[in-house]
Amino acid sequence: VEEARIVQKENEDDYKRYKSDYVGMLSTLPPNEQQNEWFFTQMFNIADKLQIRNDMKFRKLTVEKDGIFSLYTLPVDLEVTFEQLGHFVEAIENSATFLRISELTAERNNEGFLGKVRVSMLVSTIFVDDKDYSAKKKGSKK
């Protein structure tokens, strides 16, 4: 019985710690109605920083709902050098926001500029949809 109480107390402490982390993270995320714009802005900011925005093209964004989560996946096409590709992948994977590359293919471009590679990748992020972030920030509930 005493062991069960200790485990329950540890679980309660973990829950409170994770809940606190989650609430702190909410302030960095966009309101539900701005998730698309936020995702594109993250990608543009990375491309601008690396000076490859003109070399980047997006295809159709898809959104998959799974319970309270939405997985946003953006197909991205690039034609860059291997060095630029390495910096781009590093910037996405190490971003402070949750961006991940789930698929990447690269093919040397033998037609155009020497030293360039054609790249197709899927970049994803995830959002929690069980609330409206802006309403939570204002202290009201939806």
C-alpha atoms as a PDB file:
ATOM      1  CA  VAL A   1       0.000   0.000   0.000  1.00  0.00           C
ATOM      2  CA  GLU A   2       2.809   2.398   0.890  1.00  0.00           C
ATOM      3  CA  GLU A   3       4.553   1.689  -2.452  1.00  0.00           C
ATOM      4  CA  ALA A   4       1.343   2.529  -4.313  1.00  0.00           C
ATOM      5  CA  ARG A   5       1.129   5.874  -2.490  1.00  0.00           C
ATOM      6  CA  ILE A   6       4.741   6.687  -3.394  1.00  0.00           C
ATOM      7  CA  VAL A   7       4.152   5.833  -7.054  1.00  0.00           C
ATOM      8  CA  GLN A   8       0.930   7.878  -7.093  1.00  0.00           C
ATOM      9  CA  LYS A   9       2.766  10.860  -5.592  1.00  0.00           C
ATOM     10  CA  GLU A  10       5.561  10.539  -8.200  1.00  0.00           C
ATOM     11  CA  ASN A  11       2.950  10.392 -10.981  1.00  0.00           C
ATOM     12  CA  GLU A  12       1.209  13.491  -9.618  1.00  0.00           C
ATOM     13  CA  ASP A  13       4.528  15.357  -9.465  1.00  0.00           C
ATOM     14  CA  ASP A  14       5.362  14.328 -13.056  1.00  0.00           C
ATOM     15  CA  TYR A  15       1.921  15.436 -14.231  1.00  0.00           C
ATOM     16  CA  LYS A  16       2.283  18.865 -12.588  1.00  0.00           C
ATOM     17  CA  ARG A  17       5.776  19.343 -14.041  1.00  0.00           C
ATOM     18  CA  TYR A  18       4.711  18.355 -17.565  1.00  0.00           C
ATOM     19  CA  LYS A  19       1.544  20.451 -17.341  1.00  0.00           C
ATOM     20  CA  SER A  20       3.659  23.459 -16.351  1.00  0.00           C
ATOM     21  CA  ASP A  21       6.021  22.844 -19.300  1.00  0.00           C
ATOM     22  CA  TYR A  22       3.031  22.524 -21.646  1.00  0.00           C
ATOM     23  CA  VAL A  23       1.419  25.765 -20.457  1.00  0.00           C
ATOM     24  CA  GLY A  24       4.742  27.590 -20.874  1.00  0.00           C
ATOM     25  CA  MET A  25       5.076  26.243 -24.409  1.00  0.00           C
ATOM     26  CA  LEU A  26       1.565  27.450 -25.368  1.00  0.00           C
ATOM     27  CA  SER A  27       2.687  31.074 -25.310  1.00  0.00           C
ATOM     28  CA  THR A  28       5.188  30.374 -28.118  1.00  0.00           C
ATOM     29  CA  LEU A  29       2.622  28.764 -30.430  1.00  0.00           C
ATOM     30  CA  PRO A  30       0.217  30.533 -32.791  1.00  0.00           C
ATOM     31  CA  PRO A  31      -3.549  30.753 -32.330  1.00  0.00           C
ATOM     32  CA  ASN A  32      -5.395  27.888 -34.065  1.00  0.00           C
ATOM     33  CA  GLU A  33      -6.524  30.098 -36.945  1.00  0.00           C
ATOM     34  CA  GLN A  34      -2.920  31.124 -37.711  1.00  0.00           C
ATOM     35  CA  GLN A  35      -1.219  27.712 -37.801  1.00  0.00           C
ATOM     36  CA  ASN A  36      -0.779  27.643 -41.606  1.00  0.00           C
ATOM     37  CA  GLU A  37       0.691  31.133 -41.661  1.00  0.00           C
ATOM     38  CA  TRP A  38       2.977  30.334 -38.721  1.00  0.00           C
ATOM     39  CA  PHE A  39       4.333  27.203 -40.433  1.00  0.00           C
ATOM     40  CA  PHE A  40       5.054  29.020 -43.720  1.00  0.00           C
ATOM     41  CA  THR A  41       6.656  31.900 -41.821  1.00  0.00           C
ATOM     42  CA  GLN A  42       9.020  29.494 -40.036  1.00  0.00           C
ATOM     43  CA  MET A  43      10.098  28.049 -43.393  1.00  0.00           C
ATOM     44  CA  PHE A  44      10.533  31.480 -45.017  1.00  0.00           C
ATOM     45  CA  ASN A  45      12.581  32.719 -42.059  1.00  0.00           C
ATOM     46  CA  ILE A  46      14.994  29.803 -42.376  1.00  0.00           C
ATOM     47  CA  ALA A  47      15.262  30.215 -46.158  1.00  0.00           C
ATOM     48  CA  ASP A  48      15.803  33.976 -45.841  1.00  0.00           C
ATOM     49  CA  LYS A  49      18.531  33.501 -43.261  1.00  0.00           C
ATOM     50  CA  LEU A  50      20.332  31.087 -45.605  1.00  0.00           C
ATOM     51  CA  GLN A  51      19.599  33.249 -48.682  1.00  0.00           C
ATOM     52  CA  ILE A  52      17.867  30.425 -50.554  1.00  0.00           C
ATOM     53  CA  ARG A  53      14.265  31.668 -50.565  1.00  0.00           C
ATOM     54  CA  ASN A  54      14.232  32.109 -54.360  1.00  0.00           C
ATOM     55  CA  ASP A  55      15.455  28.513 -54.741  1.00  0.00           C
ATOM     56  CA  MET A  56      12.578  27.096 -52.662  1.00  0.00           C
ATOM     57  CA  LYS A  57       9.105  26.101 -53.864  1.00  0.00           C
ATOM     58  CA  PHE A  58       6.227  24.726 -51.839  1.00  0.00           C
ATOM     59  CA  ARG A  59       3.675  22.197 -52.947  1.00  0.00           C
ATOM     60  CA  LYS A  60       0.286  21.615 -51.306  1.00  0.00           C
ATOM     61  CA  LEU A  61       0.233  21.637 -47.495  1.00  0.00           C
ATOM     62  CA  THR A  62      -1.625  18.681 -45.984  1.00  0.00           C
ATOM     63  CA  VAL A  63      -3.170  18.460 -42.538  1.00  0.00           C
ATOM     64  CA  GLU A  64      -3.918  15.120 -40.873  1.00  0.00           C
ATOM     65  CA  LYS A  65      -6.066  15.093 -37.740  1.00  0.00           C
ATOM     66  CA  ASP A  66      -5.380  12.440 -35.121  1.00  0.00           C
ATOM     67  CA  GLY A  67      -7.421  12.919 -31.971  1.00  0.00           C
ATOM     68  CA  ILE A  68      -6.468  16.272 -30.493  1.00  0.00           C
ATOM     69  CA  PHE A  69      -3.400  16.614 -32.732  1.00  0.00           C
ATOM     70  CA  SER A  70      -2.949  17.958 -36.258  1.00  0.00           C
ATOM     71  CA  LEU A  71       0.106  16.974 -38.287  1.00  0.00           C
ATOM     72  CA  TYR A  72       0.990  19.634 -40.862  1.00  0.00           C
ATOM     73  CA  THR A  73       3.178  18.371 -43.716  1.00  0.00           C
ATOM     74  CA  LEU A  74       4.639  20.675 -46.334  1.00  0.00           C
ATOM     75  CA  PRO A  75       6.337  19.301 -49.462  1.00  0.00           C
ATOM     76  CA  VAL A  76       9.333  21.529 -50.294  1.00  0.00           C
ATOM     77  CA  ASP A  77      11.387  21.527 -53.507  1.00  0.00           C
ATOM     78  CA  LEU A  78      14.824  23.161 -53.687  1.00  0.00           C
ATOM     79  CA  GLU A  79      17.682  23.496 -56.098  1.00  0.00           C
ATOM     80  CA  VAL A  80      20.749  24.336 -54.026  1.00  0.00           C
ATOM     81  CA  THR A  81      24.348  23.324 -53.428  1.00  0.00           C
ATOM     82  CA  PHE A  82      25.147  20.453 -51.083  1.00  0.00           C
ATOM     83  CA  GLU A  83      26.511  22.971 -48.604  1.00  0.00           C
ATOM     84  CA  GLN A  84      23.279  24.994 -48.681  1.00  0.00           C
ATOM     85  CA  LEU A  85      21.258  21.790 -48.316  1.00  0.00           C
ATOM     86  CA  GLY A  86      23.265  20.813 -45.249  1.00  0.00           C
ATOM     87  CA  HIS A  87      22.675  24.206 -43.638  1.00  0.00           C
ATOM     88  CA  PHE A  88      18.962  24.072 -44.502  1.00  0.00           C
ATOM     89  CA  VAL A  89      18.495  20.600 -43.009  1.00  0.00           C
ATOM     90  CA  GLU A  90      20.462  21.607 -39.914  1.00  0.00           C
ATOM     91  CA  ALA A  91      18.380  24.780 -39.460  1.00  0.00           C
ATOM     92  CA  ILE A  92      15.089  22.863 -39.698  1.00  0.00           C
ATOM     93  CA  GLU A  93      16.095  19.968 -37.450  1.00  0.00           C
ATOM     94  CA  ASN A  94      17.695  22.238 -34.833  1.00  0.00           C
ATOM     95  CA  SER A  95      15.046  24.966 -34.866  1.00  0.00           C
ATOM     96  CA  ALA A  96      13.619  26.125 -31.557  1.00  0.00           C
ATOM     97  CA  THR A  97      10.170  25.322 -32.927  1.00  0.00           C
ATOM     98  CA  PHE A  98       9.089  21.768 -33.606  1.00  0.00           C
ATOM     99  CA  LEU A  99       9.950  21.324 -37.283  1.00  0.00           C
ATOM    100  CA  ARG A 100      11.090  17.952 -38.607  1.00  0.00           C
ATOM    101  CA  ILE A 101      12.055  16.510 -41.973  1.00  0.00           C
ATOM    102  CA  SER A 102      10.250  13.223 -42.488  1.00  0.00           C
ATOM    103  CA  GLU A 103      11.461  12.481 -46.009  1.00  0.00           C
ATOM    104  CA  LEU A 104      14.260  13.790 -48.209  1.00  0.00           C
ATOM    105  CA  THR A 105      15.464  12.891 -51.700  1.00  0.00           C
ATOM    106  CA  ALA A 106      18.330  14.558 -53.542  1.00  0.00           C
ATOM    107  CA  GLU A 107      19.469  14.224 -57.130  1.00  0.00           C
ATOM    108  CA  ARG A 108      22.415  15.930 -58.772  1.00  0.00           C
ATOM    109  CA  ASN A 109      21.263  18.396 -61.433  1.00  0.00           C
ATOM    110  CA  ASN A 110      23.119  17.502 -64.623  1.00  0.00           C
ATOM    111  CA  GLU A 111      21.225  20.012 -66.767  1.00  0.00           C
ATOM    112  CA  GLY A 112      21.551  23.392 -65.129  1.00  0.00           C
ATOM    113  CA  PHE A 113      24.072  24.858 -62.762  1.00  0.00           C
ATOM    114  CA  LEU A 114      27.041  22.693 -61.908  1.00  0.00           C
ATOM    115  CA  GLY A 115      27.274  21.808 -58.263  1.00  0.00           C
ATOM    116  CA  LYS A 116      23.530  22.095 -57.639  1.00  0.00           C
ATOM    117  CA  VAL A 117      21.278  19.363 -56.374  1.00  0.00           C
ATOM    118  CA  ARG A 118      17.506  18.984 -56.802  1.00  0.00           C
ATOM    119  CA  VAL A 119      15.900  18.258 -53.473  1.00  0.00           C
ATOM    120  CA  SER A 120      12.416  17.204 -52.480  1.00  0.00           C
ATOM    121  CA  MET A 121      11.540  16.959 -48.824  1.00  0.00           C
ATOM    122  CA  LEU A 122       8.593  16.741 -46.501  1.00  0.00           C
ATOM    123  CA  VAL A 123       8.762  19.116 -43.555  1.00  0.00           C
ATOM    124  CA  SER A 124       6.309  18.580 -40.717  1.00  0.00           C
ATOM    125  CA  THR A 125       5.123  20.175 -37.528  1.00  0.00           C
ATOM    126  CA  ILE A 126       2.406  19.252 -35.068  1.00  0.00           C
ATOM    127  CA  PHE A 127      -0.245  21.268 -33.232  1.00  0.00           C
ATOM    128  CA  VAL A 128      -2.605  20.441 -30.382  1.00  0.00           C
ATOM    129  CA  ASP A 129      -6.205  21.224 -31.343  1.00  0.00           C
ATOM    130  CA  ASP A 130      -8.041  20.727 -28.055  1.00  0.00           C
ATOM    131  CA  LYS A 131      -8.149  24.438 -27.377  1.00  0.00           C
ATOM    132  CA  ASP A 132      -7.844  27.859 -28.916  1.00  0.00           C
ATOM    133  CA  TYR A 133      -4.449  29.250 -27.915  1.00  0.00           C
ATOM    134  CA  SER A 134      -5.537  32.873 -28.081  1.00  0.00           C
ATOM    135  CA  ALA A 135      -8.502  32.188 -25.793  1.00  0.00           C
ATOM    136  CA  LYS A 136      -6.214  30.396 -23.321  1.00  0.00           C
ATOM    137  CA  LYS A 137      -3.806  33.329 -23.371  1.00  0.00           C
ATOM    138  CA  LYS A 138      -6.670  35.698 -22.494  1.00  0.00           C
ATOM    139  CA  GLY A 139      -7.804  33.408 -19.671  1.00  0.00           C
ATOM    140  CA  SER A 140     -11.158  32.468 -21.172  1.00  0.00           C
ATOM    141  CA  LYS A 141     -12.274  28.946 -22.129  1.00  0.00           C
ATOM    142  CA  LYS A 142     -13.896  27.855 -25.335  1.00  0.00           C
END
